[in-house]
Amino acid sequence: MSAIRIGGKAAAIAVLAVPMLGSTAYAAPQPGAVAATATSSWACTSPAWETFNTSYSSGLNSVTVYFNNHCSHQVKYHLRILNTKDRVTRISPCVTAYPNTKSYHKFSKGLIDDVVGIYKGC
């Protein structure tokens, strides 16, 4: 009788362990859930050998744009965001990056929005 109980417990543990092992696959991020990252840069007007660099990281409800302005002048940029359901592109408010600064700006977006890109000027 004791052998049956031990075997039953072992079978119960094995049955409980199988779903736990299988559940780890669901914890991995889905391909569409990974945050997108992109970079771009533009040449400065002055000095001509320097650049204005940007990169962004897209989250669920916001997009954070990081910039590094090596120029000796202000650079203005904006973001274009595509609503994937309605296929409508909206333009973000204009952001001014002051000379020789490195910072970031956060833009809000919806769950079904995708970033088209960062564009120079406003």
N, C-alpha and C. Protein backbone atom coordinates (compact mmCIF):
# COMPACT_ATOMS: atom_id res chain seq x y z
N MET A 1 0.81 -1.18 0.00
CA MET A 1 0.00 0.00 0.00
C MET A 1 0.86 1.25 0.00
N SER A 2 1.97 1.15 0.71
CA SER A 2 2.90 2.27 0.79
C SER A 2 3.48 2.57 -0.59
N ALA A 3 3.76 1.54 -1.37
CA ALA A 3 4.32 1.73 -2.69
C ALA A 3 3.36 2.47 -3.60
N ILE A 4 2.09 2.24 -3.43
CA ILE A 4 1.09 2.92 -4.26
C ILE A 4 1.06 4.40 -3.92
N ARG A 5 1.13 4.72 -2.64
CA ARG A 5 1.12 6.14 -2.25
C ARG A 5 2.36 6.85 -2.78
N ILE A 6 3.50 6.24 -2.68
CA ILE A 6 4.72 6.87 -3.18
C ILE A 6 4.63 7.04 -4.69
N GLY A 7 4.14 6.02 -5.36
CA GLY A 7 3.99 6.12 -6.81
C GLY A 7 2.96 7.18 -7.17
N GLY A 8 1.90 7.28 -6.42
CA GLY A 8 0.87 8.29 -6.67
C GLY A 8 1.41 9.69 -6.48
N LYS A 9 2.21 9.87 -5.44
CA LYS A 9 2.80 11.18 -5.19
C LYS A 9 3.78 11.54 -6.30
N ALA A 10 4.55 10.57 -6.73
CA ALA A 10 5.52 10.82 -7.81
C ALA A 10 4.79 11.18 -9.10
N ALA A 11 3.68 10.48 -9.35
CA ALA A 11 2.91 10.78 -10.56
C ALA A 11 2.29 12.16 -10.46
N ALA A 12 1.80 12.52 -9.27
CA ALA A 12 1.19 13.83 -9.09
C ALA A 12 2.23 14.94 -9.26
N ILE A 13 3.41 14.74 -8.74
CA ILE A 13 4.48 15.73 -8.88
C ILE A 13 4.86 15.87 -10.34
N ALA A 14 4.95 14.75 -11.05
CA ALA A 14 5.30 14.79 -12.46
C ALA A 14 4.22 15.52 -13.26
N VAL A 15 2.95 15.29 -12.93
CA VAL A 15 1.86 15.94 -13.64
C VAL A 15 1.88 17.44 -13.37
N LEU A 16 2.20 17.85 -12.16
CA LEU A 16 2.27 19.27 -11.84
C LEU A 16 3.50 19.93 -12.45
N ALA A 17 4.58 19.20 -12.58
CA ALA A 17 5.81 19.77 -13.11
C ALA A 17 5.74 20.02 -14.61
N VAL A 18 5.01 19.24 -15.34
CA VAL A 18 4.93 19.39 -16.79
C VAL A 18 4.34 20.75 -17.17
N PRO A 19 3.19 21.17 -16.60
CA PRO A 19 2.69 22.50 -16.98
C PRO A 19 3.65 23.62 -16.58
N MET A 20 4.38 23.45 -15.49
CA MET A 20 5.31 24.49 -15.07
C MET A 20 6.44 24.63 -16.09
N LEU A 21 6.92 23.54 -16.61
CA LEU A 21 7.97 23.60 -17.61
C LEU A 21 7.46 24.22 -18.90
N GLY A 22 6.26 23.91 -19.27
CA GLY A 22 5.68 24.46 -20.49
C GLY A 22 5.36 25.93 -20.37
N SER A 23 5.10 26.41 -19.16
CA SER A 23 4.71 27.80 -19.00
C SER A 23 5.87 28.76 -19.20
N THR A 24 7.09 28.31 -19.10
CA THR A 24 8.22 29.21 -19.31
C THR A 24 8.28 29.72 -20.75
N ALA A 25 7.75 28.98 -21.68
CA ALA A 25 7.75 29.43 -23.07
C ALA A 25 6.82 30.63 -23.24
N TYR A 26 5.77 30.74 -22.45
CA TYR A 26 4.85 31.86 -22.56
C TYR A 26 5.44 33.14 -21.98
N ALA A 27 6.44 33.03 -21.13
CA ALA A 27 7.06 34.20 -20.52
C ALA A 27 7.98 34.92 -21.49
N ALA A 28 8.42 34.27 -22.54
CA ALA A 28 9.30 34.91 -23.52
C ALA A 28 8.53 35.97 -24.28
N PRO A 29 9.16 37.10 -24.63
CA PRO A 29 8.46 38.16 -25.35
C PRO A 29 8.07 37.73 -26.75
N GLN A 30 6.93 38.21 -27.17
CA GLN A 30 6.45 37.93 -28.51
C GLN A 30 7.23 38.79 -29.50
N PRO A 31 7.35 38.38 -30.76
CA PRO A 31 8.13 39.16 -31.72
C PRO A 31 7.66 40.60 -31.87
N GLY A 32 6.37 40.86 -31.84
CA GLY A 32 5.85 42.21 -31.98
C GLY A 32 5.95 43.03 -30.72
N ALA A 33 6.23 42.41 -29.59
CA ALA A 33 6.24 43.12 -28.31
C ALA A 33 7.60 43.74 -28.00
N VAL A 34 8.61 43.44 -28.76
CA VAL A 34 9.94 43.98 -28.50
C VAL A 34 9.96 45.44 -28.94
N ALA A 35 10.53 46.32 -28.11
CA ALA A 35 10.59 47.73 -28.42
C ALA A 35 11.50 47.97 -29.62
N ALA A 36 11.03 48.80 -30.53
CA ALA A 36 11.81 49.12 -31.71
C ALA A 36 12.81 50.22 -31.39
N THR A 37 13.96 50.17 -32.00
CA THR A 37 14.98 51.19 -31.82
C THR A 37 15.53 51.56 -33.19
N ALA A 38 15.67 52.84 -33.44
CA ALA A 38 16.22 53.29 -34.71
C ALA A 38 17.07 54.53 -34.47
N THR A 39 18.03 54.75 -35.34
CA THR A 39 18.90 55.92 -35.23
C THR A 39 18.91 56.68 -36.54
N SER A 40 19.23 57.96 -36.44
CA SER A 40 19.41 58.79 -37.63
C SER A 40 20.33 59.95 -37.25
N SER A 41 20.95 60.55 -38.24
CA SER A 41 21.80 61.71 -37.98
C SER A 41 21.77 62.64 -39.19
N TRP A 42 22.02 63.93 -38.90
CA TRP A 42 22.04 64.96 -39.94
C TRP A 42 23.31 65.77 -39.79
N ALA A 43 23.80 66.26 -40.89
CA ALA A 43 24.99 67.13 -40.87
C ALA A 43 24.61 68.51 -40.33
N CYS A 44 25.53 69.10 -39.60
CA CYS A 44 25.32 70.44 -39.06
C CYS A 44 25.63 71.49 -40.14
N THR A 45 24.98 72.64 -40.01
CA THR A 45 25.31 73.76 -40.88
C THR A 45 26.65 74.35 -40.45
N SER A 46 26.85 74.41 -39.13
CA SER A 46 28.09 74.94 -38.58
C SER A 46 28.42 74.21 -37.28
N PRO A 47 29.55 73.67 -37.11
CA PRO A 47 30.58 73.34 -38.09
C PRO A 47 30.14 72.18 -38.99
N ALA A 48 30.55 72.21 -40.22
CA ALA A 48 30.08 71.27 -41.24
C ALA A 48 30.48 69.82 -40.96
N TRP A 49 31.55 69.59 -40.21
CA TRP A 49 32.01 68.22 -39.95
C TRP A 49 31.28 67.55 -38.79
N GLU A 50 30.46 68.30 -38.04
CA GLU A 50 29.73 67.74 -36.90
C GLU A 50 28.35 67.24 -37.34
N THR A 51 27.69 66.48 -36.45
CA THR A 51 26.38 65.91 -36.76
C THR A 51 25.41 66.09 -35.60
N PHE A 52 24.13 66.00 -35.93
CA PHE A 52 23.04 65.96 -34.96
C PHE A 52 22.53 64.52 -34.99
N ASN A 53 22.64 63.81 -33.88
CA ASN A 53 22.30 62.38 -33.84
C ASN A 53 21.04 62.15 -33.01
N THR A 54 20.20 61.25 -33.48
CA THR A 54 18.99 60.87 -32.74
C THR A 54 18.85 59.36 -32.71
N SER A 55 18.16 58.89 -31.70
CA SER A 55 17.73 57.50 -31.63
C SER A 55 16.44 57.48 -30.84
N TYR A 56 15.62 56.48 -31.07
CA TYR A 56 14.38 56.41 -30.31
C TYR A 56 14.10 54.99 -29.87
N SER A 57 13.34 54.92 -28.80
CA SER A 57 12.91 53.65 -28.25
C SER A 57 11.40 53.73 -28.08
N SER A 58 10.70 52.87 -28.76
CA SER A 58 9.24 52.90 -28.76
C SER A 58 8.67 51.95 -27.72
N GLY A 59 7.87 52.46 -26.81
CA GLY A 59 7.20 51.65 -25.80
C GLY A 59 5.74 51.45 -26.16
N LEU A 60 4.94 51.03 -25.20
CA LEU A 60 3.52 50.81 -25.46
C LEU A 60 2.75 52.12 -25.59
N ASN A 61 2.98 53.07 -24.70
CA ASN A 61 2.22 54.31 -24.68
C ASN A 61 3.05 55.55 -24.97
N SER A 62 4.33 55.38 -25.20
CA SER A 62 5.18 56.54 -25.45
C SER A 62 6.38 56.16 -26.31
N VAL A 63 7.01 57.20 -26.83
CA VAL A 63 8.24 57.06 -27.60
C VAL A 63 9.25 58.03 -26.99
N THR A 64 10.42 57.54 -26.65
CA THR A 64 11.46 58.40 -26.12
C THR A 64 12.52 58.61 -27.19
N VAL A 65 12.73 59.88 -27.54
CA VAL A 65 13.73 60.24 -28.54
C VAL A 65 14.93 60.83 -27.81
N TYR A 66 16.09 60.21 -28.01
CA TYR A 66 17.34 60.69 -27.44
C TYR A 66 18.09 61.44 -28.53
N PHE A 67 18.67 62.58 -28.17
CA PHE A 67 19.42 63.33 -29.16
C PHE A 67 20.74 63.82 -28.59
N ASN A 68 21.69 64.05 -29.50
CA ASN A 68 22.99 64.59 -29.16
C ASN A 68 23.32 65.62 -30.23
N ASN A 69 23.23 66.89 -29.86
CA ASN A 69 23.44 67.98 -30.81
C ASN A 69 24.88 68.46 -30.72
N HIS A 70 25.70 68.09 -31.70
CA HIS A 70 27.09 68.53 -31.76
C HIS A 70 27.21 69.86 -32.51
N CYS A 71 26.10 70.37 -33.03
CA CYS A 71 26.11 71.60 -33.82
C CYS A 71 26.27 72.83 -32.92
N SER A 72 26.71 73.93 -33.52
CA SER A 72 26.81 75.19 -32.79
C SER A 72 25.56 76.04 -32.99
N HIS A 73 24.49 75.41 -33.45
CA HIS A 73 23.21 76.09 -33.66
C HIS A 73 22.07 75.18 -33.20
N GLN A 74 20.89 75.76 -33.05
CA GLN A 74 19.71 74.98 -32.68
C GLN A 74 19.29 74.08 -33.83
N VAL A 75 18.77 72.91 -33.48
CA VAL A 75 18.21 71.99 -34.48
C VAL A 75 16.80 71.65 -34.03
N LYS A 76 15.84 71.79 -34.95
CA LYS A 76 14.45 71.45 -34.65
C LYS A 76 14.11 70.14 -35.35
N TYR A 77 13.34 69.32 -34.67
CA TYR A 77 12.93 68.04 -35.24
C TYR A 77 11.52 67.69 -34.78
N HIS A 78 10.92 66.75 -35.49
CA HIS A 78 9.59 66.26 -35.11
C HIS A 78 9.52 64.77 -35.42
N LEU A 79 8.47 64.15 -34.93
CA LEU A 79 8.25 62.72 -35.07
C LEU A 79 6.98 62.50 -35.90
N ARG A 80 6.99 61.50 -36.74
CA ARG A 80 5.77 61.11 -37.46
C ARG A 80 5.33 59.76 -36.94
N ILE A 81 4.05 59.69 -36.55
CA ILE A 81 3.49 58.49 -35.93
C ILE A 81 2.31 58.02 -36.77
N LEU A 82 2.32 56.74 -37.13
CA LEU A 82 1.28 56.15 -37.97
C LEU A 82 0.29 55.37 -37.11
N ASN A 83 -1.00 55.67 -37.26
CA ASN A 83 -2.06 54.90 -36.63
C ASN A 83 -2.30 53.70 -37.54
N THR A 84 -1.97 52.50 -37.08
CA THR A 84 -2.02 51.31 -37.93
C THR A 84 -3.44 50.88 -38.27
N LYS A 85 -4.42 51.29 -37.50
CA LYS A 85 -5.81 50.91 -37.79
C LYS A 85 -6.39 51.78 -38.90
N ASP A 86 -6.27 53.11 -38.74
CA ASP A 86 -6.86 54.05 -39.70
C ASP A 86 -5.90 54.42 -40.83
N ARG A 87 -4.62 54.01 -40.70
CA ARG A 87 -3.57 54.34 -41.68
C ARG A 87 -3.42 55.85 -41.83
N VAL A 88 -3.52 56.58 -40.72
CA VAL A 88 -3.37 58.03 -40.70
C VAL A 88 -2.08 58.37 -39.98
N THR A 89 -1.29 59.25 -40.58
CA THR A 89 -0.04 59.69 -39.97
C THR A 89 -0.25 61.03 -39.30
N ARG A 90 0.22 61.14 -38.06
CA ARG A 90 0.16 62.44 -37.38
C ARG A 90 1.57 62.91 -37.10
N ILE A 91 1.71 64.22 -36.98
CA ILE A 91 3.00 64.83 -36.74
C ILE A 91 3.03 65.34 -35.31
N SER A 92 4.11 65.04 -34.62
CA SER A 92 4.26 65.47 -33.23
C SER A 92 4.56 66.96 -33.16
N PRO A 93 4.46 67.53 -31.96
CA PRO A 93 4.89 68.92 -31.80
C PRO A 93 6.40 69.05 -32.08
N CYS A 94 6.80 70.23 -32.49
CA CYS A 94 8.19 70.51 -32.81
C CYS A 94 9.02 70.57 -31.53
N VAL A 95 10.22 70.01 -31.58
CA VAL A 95 11.15 70.03 -30.45
C VAL A 95 12.41 70.76 -30.89
N THR A 96 12.91 71.64 -30.03
CA THR A 96 14.14 72.38 -30.31
C THR A 96 15.27 71.81 -29.46
N ALA A 97 16.34 71.41 -30.12
CA ALA A 97 17.53 70.94 -29.42
C ALA A 97 18.55 72.08 -29.46
N TYR A 98 18.96 72.53 -28.31
CA TYR A 98 19.89 73.65 -28.22
C TYR A 98 21.31 73.22 -28.56
N PRO A 99 22.17 74.17 -28.93
CA PRO A 99 23.54 73.83 -29.35
C PRO A 99 24.32 73.07 -28.28
N ASN A 100 25.08 72.10 -28.72
CA ASN A 100 25.98 71.32 -27.86
C ASN A 100 25.29 70.73 -26.65
N THR A 101 24.11 70.15 -26.86
CA THR A 101 23.37 69.52 -25.76
C THR A 101 23.10 68.06 -26.09
N LYS A 102 22.89 67.32 -25.04
CA LYS A 102 22.55 65.90 -25.14
C LYS A 102 21.41 65.66 -24.16
N SER A 103 20.26 65.19 -24.67
CA SER A 103 19.10 65.01 -23.81
C SER A 103 18.12 64.06 -24.47
N TYR A 104 16.86 64.10 -24.00
CA TYR A 104 15.81 63.28 -24.58
C TYR A 104 14.48 64.00 -24.46
N HIS A 105 13.51 63.55 -25.24
CA HIS A 105 12.15 64.07 -25.19
C HIS A 105 11.19 62.89 -25.34
N LYS A 106 10.14 62.89 -24.53
CA LYS A 106 9.17 61.80 -24.55
C LYS A 106 7.89 62.26 -25.25
N PHE A 107 7.42 61.46 -26.21
CA PHE A 107 6.20 61.72 -26.95
C PHE A 107 5.17 60.65 -26.58
N SER A 108 3.90 61.03 -26.50
CA SER A 108 2.87 60.04 -26.21
C SER A 108 2.35 59.44 -27.52
N LYS A 109 1.91 58.20 -27.44
CA LYS A 109 1.35 57.51 -28.60
C LYS A 109 0.37 56.46 -28.10
N GLY A 110 -0.45 55.94 -29.00
CA GLY A 110 -1.40 54.90 -28.66
C GLY A 110 -0.82 53.51 -28.83
N LEU A 111 -1.56 52.52 -28.38
CA LEU A 111 -1.12 51.13 -28.48
C LEU A 111 -1.00 50.66 -29.92
N ILE A 112 -1.82 51.21 -30.81
CA ILE A 112 -1.82 50.76 -32.20
C ILE A 112 -1.02 51.70 -33.11
N ASP A 113 -0.21 52.58 -32.50
CA ASP A 113 0.59 53.53 -33.27
C ASP A 113 2.01 53.00 -33.48
N ASP A 114 2.57 53.28 -34.64
CA ASP A 114 3.96 52.95 -34.97
C ASP A 114 4.69 54.22 -35.34
N VAL A 115 5.95 54.30 -35.00
CA VAL A 115 6.77 55.45 -35.36
C VAL A 115 7.25 55.28 -36.80
N VAL A 116 7.00 56.29 -37.61
CA VAL A 116 7.46 56.26 -39.00
C VAL A 116 8.92 56.72 -39.04
N GLY A 117 9.23 57.79 -38.30
CA GLY A 117 10.61 58.27 -38.27
C GLY A 117 10.73 59.61 -37.60
N ILE A 118 11.97 60.06 -37.47
CA ILE A 118 12.30 61.37 -36.93
C ILE A 118 12.74 62.22 -38.10
N TYR A 119 12.21 63.45 -38.20
CA TYR A 119 12.48 64.30 -39.32
C TYR A 119 13.01 65.65 -38.86
N LYS A 120 13.97 66.17 -39.59
CA LYS A 120 14.58 67.46 -39.29
C LYS A 120 13.64 68.58 -39.72
N GLY A 121 13.57 69.63 -38.92
CA GLY A 121 12.76 70.78 -39.23
C GLY A 121 11.32 70.65 -38.76
N CYS A 122 10.61 71.76 -38.82
CA CYS A 122 9.20 71.76 -38.40
C CYS A 122 8.34 72.56 -39.36
